[in-house]
């Protein structure tokens, strides 16, 4: 078995984006990711309130997504996965202000 990559996406919604449009974006992403067969350990959620890690951190993130995939699928996901190509090209700028994205190799040797 090769390495497992954890893909994390954080989203900051525009302040003027309404709740319905935010939820529509979330639903589209959740449905698309959950349909990709090589994606595992998929989860999403809204920011925890109160935001406990704000001291010294000026970034505000409203929603996040995390999933795992085999390392041999990362380049395909980025450049060939139809859902990713479609959603990346049609991000509603009236809803989403900014993204932060991180991919890292999961170290399963830690405490469980």
N, C-alpha and C. Protein backbone atom coordinates (compact mmCIF):
# COMPACT_ATOMS: atom_id res chain seq x y z
N UNK A 1 0.84 -1.18 0.00
CA UNK A 1 0.00 0.00 0.00
C UNK A 1 0.88 1.24 0.00
N UNK A 2 0.54 2.23 -0.85
CA UNK A 2 1.28 3.48 -0.90
C UNK A 2 0.86 4.43 0.20
N UNK A 3 1.42 5.61 0.16
CA UNK A 3 1.07 6.63 1.13
C UNK A 3 -0.39 7.07 0.98
N UNK A 4 -0.92 7.56 2.08
CA UNK A 4 -2.26 8.14 2.09
C UNK A 4 -2.10 9.65 2.23
N UNK A 5 -2.81 10.38 1.38
CA UNK A 5 -2.75 11.83 1.41
C UNK A 5 -4.04 12.37 2.02
N UNK A 6 -3.90 13.27 2.96
CA UNK A 6 -5.06 13.95 3.54
C UNK A 6 -5.16 15.31 2.86
N UNK A 7 -6.31 15.57 2.30
CA UNK A 7 -6.59 16.82 1.57
C UNK A 7 -7.54 17.65 2.43
N UNK A 8 -7.09 18.84 2.80
CA UNK A 8 -7.89 19.71 3.65
C UNK A 8 -8.17 21.00 2.90
N UNK A 9 -9.42 21.41 2.90
CA UNK A 9 -9.84 22.66 2.26
C UNK A 9 -10.60 23.47 3.31
N UNK A 10 -10.17 24.71 3.50
CA UNK A 10 -10.88 25.64 4.37
C UNK A 10 -11.48 26.73 3.49
N UNK A 11 -12.68 27.16 3.84
CA UNK A 11 -13.40 28.15 3.05
C UNK A 11 -13.80 29.32 3.93
N UNK A 12 -13.56 30.51 3.43
CA UNK A 12 -14.10 31.71 4.05
C UNK A 12 -15.20 32.22 3.10
N UNK A 13 -16.39 32.28 3.62
CA UNK A 13 -17.50 32.80 2.83
C UNK A 13 -17.49 34.33 2.86
N UNK A 14 -17.99 34.90 1.79
CA UNK A 14 -18.14 36.35 1.77
C UNK A 14 -19.14 36.76 2.84
N UNK A 15 -18.89 37.89 3.46
CA UNK A 15 -19.79 38.37 4.52
C UNK A 15 -21.20 38.59 4.01
N UNK A 16 -21.33 38.99 2.74
CA UNK A 16 -22.65 39.28 2.20
C UNK A 16 -23.32 38.08 1.52
N UNK A 17 -22.69 36.91 1.59
CA UNK A 17 -23.29 35.70 1.00
C UNK A 17 -24.41 35.20 1.91
N UNK A 18 -25.56 34.92 1.31
CA UNK A 18 -26.68 34.48 2.14
C UNK A 18 -26.55 32.99 2.49
N UNK A 19 -27.28 32.59 3.50
CA UNK A 19 -27.22 31.22 4.02
C UNK A 19 -27.59 30.19 2.96
N UNK A 20 -28.59 30.48 2.17
CA UNK A 20 -29.04 29.54 1.12
C UNK A 20 -27.94 29.29 0.09
N UNK A 21 -27.26 30.33 -0.36
CA UNK A 21 -26.18 30.18 -1.34
C UNK A 21 -24.98 29.45 -0.74
N UNK A 22 -24.68 29.73 0.52
CA UNK A 22 -23.60 29.00 1.20
C UNK A 22 -23.91 27.50 1.24
N UNK A 23 -25.14 27.19 1.63
CA UNK A 23 -25.53 25.78 1.74
C UNK A 23 -25.54 25.10 0.39
N UNK A 24 -25.93 25.79 -0.65
CA UNK A 24 -25.91 25.23 -2.00
C UNK A 24 -24.48 24.86 -2.40
N UNK A 25 -23.52 25.74 -2.12
CA UNK A 25 -22.12 25.44 -2.40
C UNK A 25 -21.65 24.22 -1.62
N UNK A 26 -21.96 24.17 -0.34
CA UNK A 26 -21.57 23.03 0.51
C UNK A 26 -22.18 21.74 -0.02
N UNK A 27 -23.45 21.75 -0.38
CA UNK A 27 -24.12 20.56 -0.89
C UNK A 27 -23.48 20.05 -2.18
N UNK A 28 -23.15 20.96 -3.08
CA UNK A 28 -22.51 20.57 -4.34
C UNK A 28 -21.16 19.90 -4.07
N UNK A 29 -20.37 20.49 -3.20
CA UNK A 29 -19.05 19.92 -2.88
C UNK A 29 -19.21 18.56 -2.19
N UNK A 30 -20.08 18.48 -1.21
CA UNK A 30 -20.27 17.21 -0.49
C UNK A 30 -20.73 16.09 -1.42
N UNK A 31 -21.68 16.38 -2.28
CA UNK A 31 -22.19 15.36 -3.21
C UNK A 31 -21.10 14.92 -4.18
N UNK A 32 -20.33 15.87 -4.69
CA UNK A 32 -19.28 15.54 -5.65
C UNK A 32 -18.17 14.70 -5.04
N UNK A 33 -17.68 15.10 -3.88
CA UNK A 33 -16.59 14.36 -3.24
C UNK A 33 -17.06 12.98 -2.81
N UNK A 34 -18.26 12.87 -2.28
CA UNK A 34 -18.73 11.57 -1.80
C UNK A 34 -18.94 10.57 -2.93
N UNK A 35 -19.00 11.04 -4.17
CA UNK A 35 -19.19 10.14 -5.32
C UNK A 35 -17.87 9.66 -5.93
N UNK A 36 -16.74 10.16 -5.45
CA UNK A 36 -15.44 9.75 -6.01
C UNK A 36 -15.02 8.45 -5.31
N UNK A 37 -14.85 7.37 -6.06
CA UNK A 37 -14.65 6.07 -5.44
C UNK A 37 -13.35 5.89 -4.65
N UNK A 38 -12.32 6.61 -4.99
CA UNK A 38 -11.04 6.42 -4.29
C UNK A 38 -10.87 7.35 -3.09
N UNK A 39 -11.85 8.20 -2.83
CA UNK A 39 -11.81 9.08 -1.67
C UNK A 39 -12.31 8.32 -0.44
N UNK A 40 -11.57 8.44 0.65
CA UNK A 40 -11.95 7.76 1.89
C UNK A 40 -11.96 8.77 3.04
N UNK A 41 -12.56 8.39 4.12
CA UNK A 41 -12.53 9.17 5.35
C UNK A 41 -12.96 10.62 5.12
N UNK A 42 -14.07 10.78 4.44
CA UNK A 42 -14.57 12.09 4.04
C UNK A 42 -15.38 12.74 5.16
N UNK A 43 -15.12 14.02 5.42
CA UNK A 43 -15.90 14.75 6.40
C UNK A 43 -15.87 16.24 6.14
N UNK A 44 -16.92 16.92 6.53
CA UNK A 44 -16.99 18.37 6.41
C UNK A 44 -17.63 18.95 7.66
N UNK A 45 -17.49 20.25 7.83
CA UNK A 45 -18.15 20.88 8.95
C UNK A 45 -17.95 22.37 8.99
N UNK A 46 -18.80 23.01 9.76
CA UNK A 46 -18.71 24.45 9.96
C UNK A 46 -17.78 24.75 11.12
N UNK A 47 -17.30 25.97 11.17
CA UNK A 47 -16.38 26.38 12.23
C UNK A 47 -17.05 26.24 13.59
N UNK A 48 -16.30 25.76 14.54
CA UNK A 48 -16.76 25.62 15.92
C UNK A 48 -16.89 27.01 16.55
N UNK A 49 -17.96 27.22 17.25
CA UNK A 49 -18.16 28.48 17.98
C UNK A 49 -18.21 28.19 19.47
N UNK A 50 -17.60 28.94 20.32
CA UNK A 50 -16.78 30.10 19.99
C UNK A 50 -15.45 29.66 19.38
N UNK A 51 -14.90 30.50 18.57
CA UNK A 51 -13.63 30.19 17.88
C UNK A 51 -12.49 30.29 18.89
N UNK A 52 -12.07 29.13 19.36
CA UNK A 52 -11.14 29.07 20.49
C UNK A 52 -9.69 29.32 20.12
N UNK A 53 -9.34 29.21 18.86
CA UNK A 53 -7.94 29.36 18.45
C UNK A 53 -7.71 30.68 17.73
N UNK A 54 -8.31 31.74 18.20
CA UNK A 54 -8.19 33.02 17.50
C UNK A 54 -7.08 33.91 18.05
N UNK A 55 -6.57 33.63 19.22
CA UNK A 55 -5.52 34.48 19.79
C UNK A 55 -4.29 34.43 18.89
N UNK A 56 -3.93 35.57 18.36
CA UNK A 56 -2.76 35.66 17.49
C UNK A 56 -3.01 35.19 16.07
N UNK A 57 -4.22 34.70 15.80
CA UNK A 57 -4.55 34.22 14.46
C UNK A 57 -5.66 35.09 13.91
N UNK A 58 -5.35 35.83 12.87
CA UNK A 58 -6.34 36.75 12.31
C UNK A 58 -7.18 36.11 11.21
N UNK A 59 -6.87 34.89 10.83
CA UNK A 59 -7.63 34.22 9.77
C UNK A 59 -8.98 33.74 10.29
N UNK A 60 -9.99 33.88 9.47
CA UNK A 60 -11.33 33.39 9.80
C UNK A 60 -11.72 32.39 8.73
N UNK A 61 -12.05 31.18 9.14
CA UNK A 61 -12.51 30.14 8.22
C UNK A 61 -13.87 29.68 8.69
N UNK A 62 -14.79 29.59 7.74
CA UNK A 62 -16.18 29.30 8.10
C UNK A 62 -16.58 27.84 7.93
N UNK A 63 -15.94 27.17 7.02
CA UNK A 63 -16.32 25.80 6.68
C UNK A 63 -15.09 25.04 6.22
N UNK A 64 -15.07 23.75 6.47
CA UNK A 64 -13.93 22.96 6.05
C UNK A 64 -14.32 21.58 5.59
N UNK A 65 -13.41 21.00 4.83
CA UNK A 65 -13.59 19.66 4.27
C UNK A 65 -12.26 18.93 4.43
N UNK A 66 -12.35 17.66 4.71
CA UNK A 66 -11.15 16.84 4.84
C UNK A 66 -11.46 15.46 4.30
N UNK A 67 -10.56 14.96 3.46
CA UNK A 67 -10.70 13.58 3.02
C UNK A 67 -9.35 13.00 2.70
N UNK A 68 -9.33 11.69 2.60
CA UNK A 68 -8.08 10.98 2.29
C UNK A 68 -8.21 10.28 0.96
N UNK A 69 -7.05 10.14 0.30
CA UNK A 69 -6.98 9.42 -0.96
C UNK A 69 -5.58 8.82 -1.09
N UNK A 70 -5.45 7.76 -1.89
CA UNK A 70 -4.12 7.19 -2.11
C UNK A 70 -3.23 8.20 -2.83
N UNK A 71 -1.95 8.18 -2.51
CA UNK A 71 -1.03 9.16 -3.10
C UNK A 71 -0.96 9.03 -4.63
N UNK A 72 -1.20 7.84 -5.15
CA UNK A 72 -1.14 7.69 -6.61
C UNK A 72 -2.35 8.28 -7.33
N UNK A 73 -3.32 8.81 -6.57
CA UNK A 73 -4.50 9.44 -7.17
C UNK A 73 -4.47 10.97 -7.08
N UNK A 74 -3.50 11.54 -6.40
CA UNK A 74 -3.48 12.99 -6.17
C UNK A 74 -3.41 13.77 -7.48
N UNK A 75 -2.50 13.42 -8.35
CA UNK A 75 -2.37 14.17 -9.61
C UNK A 75 -3.61 14.01 -10.48
N UNK A 76 -4.19 12.81 -10.47
CA UNK A 76 -5.43 12.62 -11.22
C UNK A 76 -6.54 13.48 -10.62
N UNK A 77 -6.64 13.49 -9.30
CA UNK A 77 -7.67 14.31 -8.65
C UNK A 77 -7.51 15.78 -9.05
N UNK A 78 -6.28 16.27 -9.04
CA UNK A 78 -6.04 17.69 -9.34
C UNK A 78 -6.31 18.03 -10.80
N UNK A 79 -5.87 17.18 -11.71
CA UNK A 79 -5.90 17.53 -13.13
C UNK A 79 -6.91 16.76 -13.97
N UNK A 80 -7.38 15.62 -13.49
CA UNK A 80 -8.23 14.78 -14.33
C UNK A 80 -9.60 14.47 -13.77
N UNK A 81 -9.76 14.58 -12.47
CA UNK A 81 -11.05 14.25 -11.84
C UNK A 81 -12.12 15.21 -12.35
N UNK A 82 -13.15 14.70 -13.04
CA UNK A 82 -14.16 15.59 -13.62
C UNK A 82 -14.82 16.51 -12.59
N UNK A 83 -15.17 15.98 -11.42
CA UNK A 83 -15.81 16.84 -10.42
C UNK A 83 -14.89 17.99 -10.02
N UNK A 84 -13.63 17.68 -9.74
CA UNK A 84 -12.69 18.72 -9.30
C UNK A 84 -12.49 19.79 -10.37
N UNK A 85 -12.37 19.35 -11.61
CA UNK A 85 -12.20 20.30 -12.71
C UNK A 85 -13.43 21.19 -12.84
N UNK A 86 -14.61 20.61 -12.73
CA UNK A 86 -15.85 21.38 -12.87
C UNK A 86 -16.06 22.36 -11.72
N UNK A 87 -15.88 21.88 -10.50
CA UNK A 87 -16.13 22.74 -9.34
C UNK A 87 -15.06 23.83 -9.25
N UNK A 88 -13.82 23.51 -9.59
CA UNK A 88 -12.76 24.52 -9.53
C UNK A 88 -13.01 25.65 -10.52
N UNK A 89 -13.58 25.31 -11.66
CA UNK A 89 -13.84 26.31 -12.67
C UNK A 89 -15.12 27.08 -12.49
N UNK A 90 -15.93 26.68 -11.51
CA UNK A 90 -17.23 27.35 -11.35
C UNK A 90 -17.50 27.75 -9.90
N UNK A 91 -16.45 28.10 -9.17
CA UNK A 91 -16.62 28.53 -7.79
C UNK A 91 -17.40 29.85 -7.78
N UNK A 92 -18.50 29.88 -7.06
CA UNK A 92 -19.32 31.09 -7.04
C UNK A 92 -18.64 32.20 -6.22
N UNK A 93 -18.04 33.15 -6.92
CA UNK A 93 -17.31 34.24 -6.25
C UNK A 93 -18.23 35.12 -5.41
N UNK A 94 -19.53 35.05 -5.67
CA UNK A 94 -20.47 35.81 -4.84
C UNK A 94 -20.71 35.13 -3.50
N UNK A 95 -20.21 33.90 -3.35
CA UNK A 95 -20.38 33.14 -2.11
C UNK A 95 -19.04 32.95 -1.39
N UNK A 96 -18.02 32.54 -2.13
CA UNK A 96 -16.73 32.19 -1.54
C UNK A 96 -15.76 33.36 -1.65
N UNK A 97 -15.16 33.72 -0.53
CA UNK A 97 -14.17 34.79 -0.51
C UNK A 97 -12.76 34.25 -0.70
N UNK A 98 -12.43 33.16 0.03
CA UNK A 98 -11.06 32.66 -0.01
C UNK A 98 -11.02 31.18 0.38
N UNK A 99 -9.98 30.49 -0.12
CA UNK A 99 -9.70 29.10 0.22
C UNK A 99 -8.31 28.99 0.83
N UNK A 100 -8.14 27.99 1.67
CA UNK A 100 -6.81 27.54 2.10
C UNK A 100 -6.82 26.03 1.88
N UNK A 101 -5.79 25.52 1.22
CA UNK A 101 -5.75 24.10 0.87
C UNK A 101 -4.41 23.52 1.30
N UNK A 102 -4.45 22.34 1.90
CA UNK A 102 -3.25 21.66 2.35
C UNK A 102 -3.39 20.17 2.06
N UNK A 103 -2.36 19.60 1.45
CA UNK A 103 -2.26 18.15 1.27
C UNK A 103 -1.04 17.68 2.04
N UNK A 104 -1.20 16.61 2.81
CA UNK A 104 -0.03 16.06 3.49
C UNK A 104 -0.13 14.55 3.59
N UNK A 105 1.03 13.93 3.73
CA UNK A 105 1.11 12.49 3.88
C UNK A 105 0.74 12.16 5.32
N UNK A 106 -0.20 11.25 5.48
CA UNK A 106 -0.66 10.87 6.82
C UNK A 106 0.33 9.90 7.44
N UNK A 107 0.71 10.18 8.67
CA UNK A 107 1.58 9.30 9.44
C UNK A 107 0.69 8.51 10.40
N UNK A 108 0.44 7.25 10.07
CA UNK A 108 -0.44 6.42 10.88
C UNK A 108 0.27 5.78 12.07
N UNK A 109 1.52 6.16 12.30
CA UNK A 109 2.29 5.52 13.37
C UNK A 109 2.02 6.18 14.72
N UNK A 110 1.33 7.31 14.74
CA UNK A 110 1.11 8.02 15.99
C UNK A 110 0.12 7.31 16.90
N UNK A 111 -0.14 7.89 18.07
CA UNK A 111 -1.10 7.27 19.00
C UNK A 111 -2.49 7.19 18.40
N UNK A 112 -3.22 6.19 18.80
CA UNK A 112 -4.59 5.99 18.32
C UNK A 112 -5.55 6.07 19.46
